[in-house]
């Protein structure tokens, strides 16, 4: 069901008359996490589809758009690190 061992342990410790409500709350929290992750994965899928399409339009020997993005991100991260070091 997607629960970590720690979460399963927490669920197994729940007892008493409020057990169902506590269990529901934990499951609801997990559901929110799963939905958030699904949104992230859908954005990633869209980005990858776009990148694959862009790469497919490049002529042999042309600049790879995916590598261009990686280099731009690396340059940005490097510039940010330098400015924070000052």
C-alpha atoms as a PDB file:
ATOM      1  CA  UNK A   1       0.000   0.000   0.000  1.00  0.00           C
ATOM      2  CA  UNK A   2       3.024   2.250  -0.145  1.00  0.00           C
ATOM      3  CA  UNK A   3       3.629   2.710   3.563  1.00  0.00           C
ATOM      4  CA  UNK A   4       7.179   2.765   4.881  1.00  0.00           C
ATOM      5  CA  UNK A   5       8.217   0.354   7.625  1.00  0.00           C
ATOM      6  CA  UNK A   6       8.067   3.198  10.134  1.00  0.00           C
ATOM      7  CA  UNK A   7       4.527   4.050   9.014  1.00  0.00           C
ATOM      8  CA  UNK A   8       3.445   0.398   9.237  1.00  0.00           C
ATOM      9  CA  UNK A   9       4.934   0.240  12.726  1.00  0.00           C
ATOM     10  CA  UNK A  10       2.990   3.379  13.665  1.00  0.00           C
ATOM     11  CA  UNK A  11      -0.209   1.889  12.241  1.00  0.00           C
ATOM     12  CA  UNK A  12       0.266  -1.349  14.187  1.00  0.00           C
ATOM     13  CA  UNK A  13       0.623   0.600  17.435  1.00  0.00           C
ATOM     14  CA  UNK A  14      -2.778   2.246  17.038  1.00  0.00           C
ATOM     15  CA  UNK A  15      -5.365   0.801  19.400  1.00  0.00           C
ATOM     16  CA  UNK A  16      -8.499   1.787  21.176  1.00  0.00           C
ATOM     17  CA  UNK A  17     -11.800   3.325  20.211  1.00  0.00           C
ATOM     18  CA  UNK A  18     -10.171   5.995  18.008  1.00  0.00           C
ATOM     19  CA  UNK A  19      -8.031   3.501  16.082  1.00  0.00           C
ATOM     20  CA  UNK A  20     -10.041   3.750  12.883  1.00  0.00           C
ATOM     21  CA  UNK A  21      -9.919   7.559  12.886  1.00  0.00           C
ATOM     22  CA  UNK A  22      -6.176   7.626  13.531  1.00  0.00           C
ATOM     23  CA  UNK A  23      -5.638   5.042  10.806  1.00  0.00           C
ATOM     24  CA  UNK A  24      -7.775   7.082   8.404  1.00  0.00           C
ATOM     25  CA  UNK A  25      -5.734  10.197   9.162  1.00  0.00           C
ATOM     26  CA  UNK A  26      -2.468   8.391   8.457  1.00  0.00           C
ATOM     27  CA  UNK A  27      -3.891   6.928   5.244  1.00  0.00           C
ATOM     28  CA  UNK A  28      -5.190  10.369   4.224  1.00  0.00           C
ATOM     29  CA  UNK A  29      -1.734  11.861   4.761  1.00  0.00           C
ATOM     30  CA  UNK A  30      -0.199   9.076   2.651  1.00  0.00           C
ATOM     31  CA  UNK A  31      -2.795   9.699  -0.072  1.00  0.00           C
ATOM     32  CA  UNK A  32      -1.836  13.383  -0.189  1.00  0.00           C
ATOM     33  CA  UNK A  33       1.844  12.409  -0.494  1.00  0.00           C
ATOM     34  CA  UNK A  34       1.067   9.975  -3.326  1.00  0.00           C
ATOM     35  CA  UNK A  35      -1.013  12.561  -5.189  1.00  0.00           C
ATOM     36  CA  UNK A  36       1.767  15.122  -4.838  1.00  0.00           C
ATOM     37  CA  UNK A  37       4.311  12.644  -6.158  1.00  0.00           C
ATOM     38  CA  UNK A  38       2.007  11.791  -9.071  1.00  0.00           C
ATOM     39  CA  UNK A  39       1.826  15.481 -10.008  1.00  0.00           C
ATOM     40  CA  UNK A  40       5.622  15.684  -9.913  1.00  0.00           C
ATOM     41  CA  UNK A  41       5.906  12.572 -12.072  1.00  0.00           C
ATOM     42  CA  UNK A  42       3.387  13.946 -14.597  1.00  0.00           C
ATOM     43  CA  UNK A  43       5.438  17.152 -14.910  1.00  0.00           C
ATOM     44  CA  UNK A  44       8.590  15.075 -15.340  1.00  0.00           C
ATOM     45  CA  UNK A  45       6.881  12.937 -17.987  1.00  0.00           C
ATOM     46  CA  UNK A  46       5.791  16.048 -19.885  1.00  0.00           C
ATOM     47  CA  UNK A  47       9.300  17.498 -19.734  1.00  0.00           C
ATOM     48  CA  UNK A  48      10.822  14.241 -20.965  1.00  0.00           C
ATOM     49  CA  UNK A  49       8.318  13.891 -23.820  1.00  0.00           C
ATOM     50  CA  UNK A  50       9.139  17.426 -24.901  1.00  0.00           C
ATOM     51  CA  UNK A  51      12.868  16.799 -24.695  1.00  0.00           C
ATOM     52  CA  UNK A  52      12.641  13.533 -26.650  1.00  0.00           C
ATOM     53  CA  UNK A  53      10.655  15.317 -29.357  1.00  0.00           C
ATOM     54  CA  UNK A  54      13.202  18.157 -29.493  1.00  0.00           C
ATOM     55  CA  UNK A  55      16.084  15.694 -29.682  1.00  0.00           C
ATOM     56  CA  UNK A  56      14.304  13.874 -32.507  1.00  0.00           C
ATOM     57  CA  UNK A  57      14.273  17.050 -34.610  1.00  0.00           C
ATOM     58  CA  UNK A  58      18.024  17.674 -34.356  1.00  0.00           C
ATOM     59  CA  UNK A  59      20.042  17.006 -37.474  1.00  0.00           C
ATOM     60  CA  UNK A  60      22.948  14.575 -37.246  1.00  0.00           C
ATOM     61  CA  UNK A  61      25.883  16.379 -35.690  1.00  0.00           C
ATOM     62  CA  UNK A  62      23.679  19.188 -34.338  1.00  0.00           C
ATOM     63  CA  UNK A  63      23.719  20.438 -30.772  1.00  0.00           C
ATOM     64  CA  UNK A  64      21.760  18.230 -28.402  1.00  0.00           C
ATOM     65  CA  UNK A  65      19.003  20.261 -26.706  1.00  0.00           C
ATOM     66  CA  UNK A  66      19.022  18.009 -23.644  1.00  0.00           C
ATOM     67  CA  UNK A  67      22.738  18.536 -23.108  1.00  0.00           C
ATOM     68  CA  UNK A  68      22.236  22.276 -23.638  1.00  0.00           C
ATOM     69  CA  UNK A  69      19.729  22.270 -20.772  1.00  0.00           C
ATOM     70  CA  UNK A  70      22.106  20.327 -18.520  1.00  0.00           C
ATOM     71  CA  UNK A  71      24.982  22.699 -19.275  1.00  0.00           C
ATOM     72  CA  UNK A  72      22.772  25.731 -18.632  1.00  0.00           C
ATOM     73  CA  UNK A  73      21.671  24.293 -15.284  1.00  0.00           C
ATOM     74  CA  UNK A  74      25.258  23.486 -14.342  1.00  0.00           C
ATOM     75  CA  UNK A  75      26.348  27.023 -15.234  1.00  0.00           C
ATOM     76  CA  UNK A  76      23.495  28.490 -13.188  1.00  0.00           C
ATOM     77  CA  UNK A  77      24.297  26.304 -10.185  1.00  0.00           C
ATOM     78  CA  UNK A  78      27.981  27.175 -10.447  1.00  0.00           C
ATOM     79  CA  UNK A  79      27.204  30.911 -10.600  1.00  0.00           C
ATOM     80  CA  UNK A  80      24.882  30.598  -7.581  1.00  0.00           C
ATOM     81  CA  UNK A  81      27.552  28.764  -5.590  1.00  0.00           C
ATOM     82  CA  UNK A  82      30.107  31.426  -6.431  1.00  0.00           C
ATOM     83  CA  UNK A  83      27.812  34.274  -5.395  1.00  0.00           C
ATOM     84  CA  UNK A  84      27.015  32.560  -2.089  1.00  0.00           C
ATOM     85  CA  UNK A  85      30.725  32.058  -1.373  1.00  0.00           C
ATOM     86  CA  UNK A  86      31.391  35.790  -1.607  1.00  0.00           C
END
